[in-house]
Amino acid sequence: METEINKDFIFNHFARKTSPLQRELIAAWLRDKAHEELYYEWLEEWETRHPQYVAQTELAYQRYTLFLEQNPGSDETPESVPLLADQPQWTRRSWLIAASILLLLCGYSFLGRDQLMYRTYETAYGETRTIRLPDGTTVLLNANSSLRVPRWGFGQNTREVRLSGEANFAVTHTPRHQKFVVRTDKNLDVVVLGTNFTVFARKRGTRVALNKGRVQLNYQQGNADREVVMKPGEQATFDQQNRMALNPIRHPETRPAWSEKRFVFDETPLREVAYMLEESYGLSVEITDPELAERVLIGSLRAENSDQLLQSISVLLDINVIRQGDRVQLLSH
């Protein structure tokens, strides 16, 4: 009969009570992403119920104070000072407990340190996703994007996340006025308290659009560290060399258009639309005519998928669209 993987079974695994065959079953079970997240939830619960070691901080402080009193002005360490009478000694059992902790941590290593420390939210091409973080912040994640969030201590010890792609953030203000930081791979940090903004961080550049509140941008241009404070209704655009341009948003919106399957074009060249099709839908778009590449789109389109969007572009610009799988050609008549 097939072994059922449940909380008790996994708790036995954390307690080092499973056989090699059972550990192989767990490894196979963890290949499912949903099971992996459940595993981490149970891990946190088990560690809370079974603390492996409690640091004797008060005794350590007493020991260090005694050393200073007996050795004024000495640069030596207090290793040779006798322990206080009530301090527990390291016994064979203590060393076994420490060894078991090490073995347990080694057992987790096959999952990878980043997987253990961070939870990653991802979207596929053409997919958007709404995420509610533990501190109450809401994130709308655009297509082909990922957001990495610390598994433990988020909202208490840290409010830092890492974004690759595009996302809209509605940040919750905390009683302790704790800063919320969005880090990108472009040496750009967006530092906020409570606000609504959108971050675009892809290969061709980075944009930050501020809808309300205030944000501070910390970035690096060449060897110089720079910072700028944005106001509502502004958009900061960074090129591949991290040179920044700050401009007003012509038509500010509370929610990004892509969250509603809308695409807003404000005199957008077709070559820029081609980049968007690649980033959002994984399409390889070819425009051989330079004049066609510079033609602009104006207006708002609603499209549930890439085919609908391509059809609308074809009608608006009166051009031919040829699609073969993920390859698309845009041609003049």
Protein backbone atom coordinates (compact mmCIF):
# COMPACT_ATOMS: atom_id res chain seq x y z
CA MET A 1 0.00 0.00 0.00
CA GLU A 2 1.29 3.46 -0.91
CA THR A 3 2.59 5.45 2.06
CA GLU A 4 0.55 8.57 2.81
CA ILE A 5 2.57 11.76 3.15
CA ASN A 6 0.92 13.82 5.88
CA LYS A 7 1.96 16.16 8.69
CA ASP A 8 2.75 13.35 11.17
CA PHE A 9 4.90 11.61 8.57
CA ILE A 10 6.83 14.81 7.82
CA PHE A 11 7.20 15.58 11.55
CA ASN A 12 8.80 12.15 12.00
CA HIS A 13 11.16 13.08 9.19
CA PHE A 14 12.15 16.31 10.95
CA ALA A 15 12.75 14.25 14.11
CA ARG A 16 15.11 11.93 12.14
CA LYS A 17 12.77 8.94 12.49
CA THR A 18 12.36 8.09 8.79
CA SER A 19 14.18 5.42 6.83
CA PRO A 20 16.22 6.05 3.64
CA LEU A 21 13.31 4.68 1.58
CA GLN A 22 10.85 7.02 3.32
CA ARG A 23 13.17 9.97 2.67
CA GLU A 24 13.19 9.05 -1.01
CA LEU A 25 9.37 9.10 -0.96
CA ILE A 26 9.47 12.58 0.58
CA ALA A 27 11.93 13.79 -2.06
CA ALA A 28 9.58 12.56 -4.81
CA TRP A 29 6.59 14.16 -3.07
CA LEU A 30 8.45 17.49 -2.91
CA ARG A 31 8.73 17.69 -6.69
CA ASP A 32 5.19 19.07 -6.63
CA LYS A 33 5.43 22.86 -6.00
CA ALA A 34 2.32 22.84 -3.79
CA HIS A 35 3.82 20.09 -1.63
CA GLU A 36 7.05 22.06 -1.31
CA GLU A 37 5.23 25.06 0.14
CA LEU A 38 3.29 22.82 2.54
CA TYR A 39 6.60 21.24 3.61
CA TYR A 40 7.99 24.64 4.60
CA GLU A 41 4.83 25.52 6.54
CA TRP A 42 5.14 22.27 8.50
CA LEU A 43 8.86 22.90 9.00
CA GLU A 44 8.15 26.27 10.59
CA GLU A 45 5.45 24.72 12.82
CA TRP A 46 7.72 21.84 13.88
CA GLU A 47 10.64 24.13 14.69
CA THR A 48 8.35 26.34 16.79
CA ARG A 49 7.17 23.31 18.78
CA HIS A 50 10.62 21.72 19.09
CA PRO A 51 13.31 24.36 19.76
CA GLN A 52 16.63 22.53 19.45
CA TYR A 53 18.77 24.89 21.48
CA VAL A 54 18.11 27.89 23.74
CA ALA A 55 21.09 30.22 24.07
CA GLN A 56 22.18 30.87 27.66
CA THR A 57 22.60 34.61 27.09
CA GLU A 58 22.20 35.63 30.73
CA LEU A 59 24.81 33.12 31.88
CA ALA A 60 27.18 34.22 29.12
CA TYR A 61 26.77 37.82 30.24
CA GLN A 62 27.50 36.86 33.88
CA ARG A 63 30.59 34.96 32.75
CA TYR A 64 31.90 37.87 30.72
CA THR A 65 31.21 40.35 33.57
CA LEU A 66 33.10 38.11 36.01
CA PHE A 67 36.04 37.92 33.60
CA LEU A 68 36.24 41.71 33.31
CA GLU A 69 36.15 42.10 37.09
CA GLN A 70 38.97 39.57 37.57
CA ASN A 71 41.06 40.77 34.59
CA PRO A 72 40.81 44.57 34.30
CA GLY A 73 42.54 45.90 31.17
CA SER A 74 43.27 42.41 29.81
CA ASP A 75 43.02 41.66 26.06
CA GLU A 76 42.56 37.93 26.66
CA THR A 77 39.31 36.08 26.04
CA PRO A 78 37.26 34.69 28.92
CA GLU A 79 37.66 31.07 27.79
CA SER A 80 39.62 30.03 30.90
CA VAL A 81 37.18 31.54 33.42
CA PRO A 82 35.28 28.83 35.37
CA LEU A 83 31.59 28.51 34.68
CA LEU A 84 29.11 29.67 37.28
CA ALA A 85 27.82 26.98 39.55
CA ASP A 86 24.37 26.83 37.95
CA GLN A 87 25.59 26.82 34.31
CA PRO A 88 24.88 23.50 32.53
CA GLN A 89 27.92 21.55 31.28
CA TRP A 90 28.34 20.19 27.76
CA THR A 91 27.58 16.51 28.14
CA ARG A 92 27.60 13.63 25.64
CA ARG A 93 23.85 14.22 25.22
CA SER A 94 24.48 17.90 24.40
CA TRP A 95 26.92 16.97 21.67
CA LEU A 96 24.47 14.42 20.26
CA ILE A 97 21.74 17.07 20.11
CA ALA A 98 24.10 19.46 18.32
CA ALA A 99 25.08 16.71 15.88
CA SER A 100 21.44 15.90 15.19
CA ILE A 101 20.75 19.56 14.39
CA LEU A 102 23.63 19.55 11.91
CA LEU A 103 22.34 16.37 10.27
CA LEU A 104 18.84 17.85 10.07
CA LEU A 105 20.15 20.98 8.37
CA CYS A 106 22.16 18.86 5.94
CA GLY A 107 18.97 16.97 5.17
CA TYR A 108 17.36 20.24 4.08
CA SER A 109 20.30 21.19 1.86
CA PHE A 110 19.04 19.16 -1.11
CA LEU A 111 16.22 21.70 -1.41
CA GLY A 112 18.66 24.60 -1.80
CA ARG A 113 19.33 27.48 0.56
CA ASP A 114 17.32 30.00 -1.43
CA GLN A 115 14.30 27.69 -1.51
CA LEU A 116 14.56 27.28 2.25
CA MET A 117 14.95 30.98 3.05
CA TYR A 118 12.70 32.51 0.37
CA ARG A 119 9.36 31.87 -1.27
CA THR A 120 9.21 32.75 -4.97
CA TYR A 121 5.97 33.72 -6.69
CA GLU A 122 6.07 33.34 -10.48
CA THR A 123 3.83 33.97 -13.46
CA ALA A 124 3.93 32.35 -16.89
CA TYR A 125 3.64 34.13 -20.23
CA GLY A 126 0.23 35.76 -20.53
CA GLU A 127 -0.58 35.21 -16.84
CA THR A 128 -1.15 37.77 -14.07
CA ARG A 129 -1.43 37.01 -10.37
CA THR A 130 -2.52 38.76 -7.17
CA ILE A 131 -0.42 38.12 -4.06
CA ARG A 132 -1.14 39.25 -0.50
CA LEU A 133 1.99 39.42 1.62
CA PRO A 134 2.03 38.68 5.38
CA ASP A 135 2.21 42.41 6.23
CA GLY A 136 -1.00 43.12 4.30
CA THR A 137 0.70 44.50 1.18
CA THR A 138 -1.00 43.53 -2.10
CA VAL A 139 1.09 42.77 -5.17
CA LEU A 140 -0.22 42.42 -8.74
CA LEU A 141 2.38 40.41 -10.61
CA ASN A 142 2.45 40.83 -14.39
CA ALA A 143 3.22 38.11 -16.94
CA ASN A 144 6.66 36.46 -17.04
CA SER A 145 7.65 37.90 -13.67
CA SER A 146 8.87 36.65 -10.31
CA LEU A 147 8.81 38.01 -6.75
CA ARG A 148 11.05 36.61 -4.02
CA VAL A 149 9.87 37.07 -0.42
CA PRO A 150 11.55 35.93 2.84
CA ARG A 151 9.69 32.97 4.34
CA TRP A 152 10.26 33.96 7.96
CA GLY A 153 10.22 37.30 9.71
CA PHE A 154 8.65 39.25 6.85
CA GLY A 155 6.80 42.26 8.27
CA GLN A 156 8.72 41.92 11.53
CA ASN A 157 12.45 41.68 10.83
CA THR A 158 12.35 42.79 7.20
CA ARG A 159 10.06 44.08 4.45
CA GLU A 160 12.44 43.55 1.55
CA VAL A 161 11.42 41.73 -1.64
CA ARG A 162 13.20 41.13 -4.94
CA LEU A 163 11.43 41.64 -8.26
CA SER A 164 12.24 40.43 -11.75
CA GLY A 165 9.69 41.53 -14.33
CA GLU A 166 6.81 43.88 -13.54
CA ALA A 167 4.50 44.32 -10.55
CA ASN A 168 2.19 46.83 -8.93
CA PHE A 169 2.49 47.32 -5.15
CA ALA A 170 -0.15 48.62 -2.75
CA VAL A 171 2.01 48.84 0.36
CA THR A 172 0.47 48.68 3.83
CA HIS A 173 1.73 51.16 6.41
CA THR A 174 2.86 49.52 9.66
CA PRO A 175 2.57 50.92 13.23
CA ARG A 176 6.39 50.94 13.46
CA HIS A 177 6.69 52.91 10.17
CA GLN A 178 8.85 50.11 8.79
CA LYS A 179 10.20 50.72 5.30
CA PHE A 180 9.18 48.50 2.40
CA VAL A 181 11.98 47.89 -0.12
CA VAL A 182 11.73 46.48 -3.64
CA ARG A 183 15.12 45.33 -4.95
CA THR A 184 15.85 44.70 -8.63
CA ASP A 185 18.71 43.18 -10.60
CA LYS A 186 19.51 46.63 -12.04
CA ASN A 187 21.09 48.01 -8.83
CA LEU A 188 17.87 49.88 -8.12
CA ASP A 189 16.08 49.86 -4.76
CA VAL A 190 12.61 51.38 -4.34
CA VAL A 191 12.19 52.43 -0.68
CA VAL A 192 8.68 53.29 0.55
CA LEU A 193 6.54 53.60 3.69
CA GLY A 194 2.93 53.40 2.48
CA THR A 195 2.09 53.99 -1.17
CA ASN A 196 0.93 52.61 -4.52
CA PHE A 197 3.43 52.22 -7.36
CA THR A 198 4.44 50.00 -10.26
CA VAL A 199 7.95 48.69 -10.96
CA PHE A 200 9.09 47.44 -14.37
CA ALA A 201 12.49 45.70 -14.26
CA ARG A 202 13.46 43.81 -17.41
CA LYS A 203 16.49 43.50 -19.70
CA ARG A 204 15.75 46.60 -21.79
CA GLY A 205 15.43 48.92 -18.81
CA THR A 206 13.63 49.82 -15.61
CA ARG A 207 10.63 52.05 -14.84
CA VAL A 208 8.98 53.14 -11.61
CA ALA A 209 5.55 54.80 -11.81
CA LEU A 210 4.23 56.38 -8.61
CA ASN A 211 0.45 56.62 -8.24
CA LYS A 212 0.24 57.98 -4.70
CA GLY A 213 2.47 58.48 -1.67
CA ARG A 214 6.23 59.00 -1.83
CA VAL A 215 9.08 56.70 -2.76
CA GLN A 216 12.83 57.08 -2.70
CA LEU A 217 14.89 55.50 -5.47
CA ASN A 218 18.42 54.37 -4.58
CA TYR A 219 20.43 53.47 -7.65
CA GLN A 220 23.95 53.30 -9.03
CA GLN A 221 25.09 55.15 -12.14
CA GLY A 222 28.62 54.22 -13.05
CA ASN A 223 30.58 54.23 -9.79
CA ALA A 224 28.34 56.81 -8.14
CA ASP A 225 25.50 56.07 -5.72
CA ARG A 226 22.49 58.28 -6.37
CA GLU A 227 19.03 58.79 -4.92
CA VAL A 228 15.89 60.66 -5.91
CA VAL A 229 12.53 61.17 -4.19
CA MET A 230 9.49 60.79 -6.45
CA LYS A 231 6.14 62.55 -6.21
CA PRO A 232 2.73 61.15 -7.16
CA GLY A 233 2.09 61.24 -10.90
CA GLU A 234 5.76 60.86 -11.83
CA GLN A 235 7.53 58.08 -13.72
CA ALA A 236 11.26 57.39 -13.47
CA THR A 237 12.76 55.62 -16.48
CA PHE A 238 16.21 54.03 -16.47
CA ASP A 239 18.08 52.94 -19.58
CA GLN A 240 20.56 50.03 -19.71
CA GLN A 241 23.33 52.29 -18.36
CA ASN A 242 21.07 53.24 -15.42
CA ARG A 243 20.71 56.84 -16.62
CA MET A 244 17.46 58.18 -15.21
CA ALA A 245 14.76 60.43 -16.70
CA LEU A 246 11.93 61.71 -14.50
CA ASN A 247 8.70 62.63 -16.33
CA PRO A 248 5.02 63.20 -15.46
CA ILE A 249 2.55 60.40 -16.18
CA ARG A 250 0.07 61.61 -18.76
CA HIS A 251 -2.80 59.41 -17.65
CA PRO A 252 -2.16 58.10 -14.09
CA GLU A 253 -4.22 55.08 -13.02
CA THR A 254 -4.77 53.49 -9.62
CA ARG A 255 -4.34 50.00 -11.07
CA PRO A 256 -2.09 49.11 -14.00
CA ALA A 257 -3.92 48.50 -17.27
CA TRP A 258 -2.42 45.03 -17.69
CA SER A 259 -4.16 43.88 -14.48
CA GLU A 260 -7.44 44.24 -16.38
CA LYS A 261 -6.14 42.73 -19.65
CA ARG A 262 -5.91 46.22 -21.15
CA PHE A 263 -3.00 47.58 -23.16
CA VAL A 264 -2.60 51.37 -23.27
CA PHE A 265 -0.53 52.83 -26.10
CA ASP A 266 0.43 56.50 -25.93
CA GLU A 267 2.22 57.11 -29.24
CA THR A 268 4.08 53.85 -28.67
CA PRO A 269 6.37 52.77 -31.56
CA LEU A 270 5.67 49.32 -32.96
CA ARG A 271 9.20 48.22 -32.04
CA GLU A 272 8.35 48.87 -28.37
CA VAL A 273 5.16 46.85 -28.79
CA ALA A 274 7.30 44.02 -30.17
CA TYR A 275 9.40 44.05 -26.97
CA MET A 276 6.21 43.93 -24.89
CA LEU A 277 4.93 40.91 -26.86
CA GLU A 278 8.22 39.14 -26.22
CA GLU A 279 8.24 39.92 -22.48
CA SER A 280 4.57 39.20 -21.78
CA TYR A 281 3.87 36.32 -24.16
CA GLY A 282 7.26 34.83 -25.05
CA LEU A 283 6.87 35.69 -28.74
CA SER A 284 9.77 36.36 -31.10
CA VAL A 285 8.62 39.33 -33.20
CA GLU A 286 10.33 40.29 -36.48
CA ILE A 287 9.86 43.69 -38.16
CA THR A 288 12.06 43.93 -41.25
CA ASP A 289 10.75 47.32 -42.41
CA PRO A 290 12.41 50.18 -40.40
CA GLU A 291 9.58 52.59 -41.24
CA LEU A 292 6.99 50.11 -39.98
CA ALA A 293 8.95 49.65 -36.75
CA GLU A 294 8.60 53.39 -36.04
CA ARG A 295 4.85 53.59 -36.66
CA VAL A 296 3.02 54.43 -33.45
CA LEU A 297 -0.03 53.03 -31.69
CA ILE A 298 -2.48 55.29 -29.86
CA GLY A 299 -5.37 54.10 -27.73
CA SER A 300 -6.44 51.37 -25.33
CA LEU A 301 -6.98 47.75 -26.36
CA ARG A 302 -8.49 44.90 -24.40
CA ALA A 303 -7.20 41.42 -25.21
CA GLU A 304 -7.51 38.13 -23.35
CA ASN A 305 -4.52 36.58 -25.14
CA SER A 306 -1.73 37.29 -27.61
CA ASP A 307 -3.80 36.35 -30.68
CA GLN A 308 -6.47 38.91 -29.84
CA LEU A 309 -3.83 41.58 -29.29
CA LEU A 310 -2.08 40.80 -32.59
CA GLN A 311 -5.39 40.92 -34.43
CA SER A 312 -6.19 44.36 -32.97
CA ILE A 313 -2.73 45.67 -33.90
CA SER A 314 -3.21 44.36 -37.44
CA VAL A 315 -6.52 46.23 -37.79
CA LEU A 316 -5.32 49.50 -36.22
CA LEU A 317 -2.16 49.77 -38.33
CA ASP A 318 -3.55 47.98 -41.39
CA ILE A 319 -0.65 45.55 -41.53
CA ASN A 320 -0.17 41.82 -42.06
CA VAL A 321 0.55 39.57 -39.09
CA ILE A 322 2.00 36.11 -39.78
CA ARG A 323 2.33 33.78 -36.81
CA GLN A 324 3.99 30.36 -36.75
CA GLY A 325 4.13 29.02 -33.21
CA ASP A 326 6.01 31.58 -31.13
CA ARG A 327 7.46 33.39 -34.17
CA VAL A 328 5.60 36.45 -35.47
CA GLN A 329 6.25 38.60 -38.54
CA LEU A 330 4.77 42.10 -38.85
CA LEU A 331 4.62 43.21 -42.50
CA SER A 332 3.30 46.18 -44.43
CA HIS A 333 0.71 45.54 -47.09
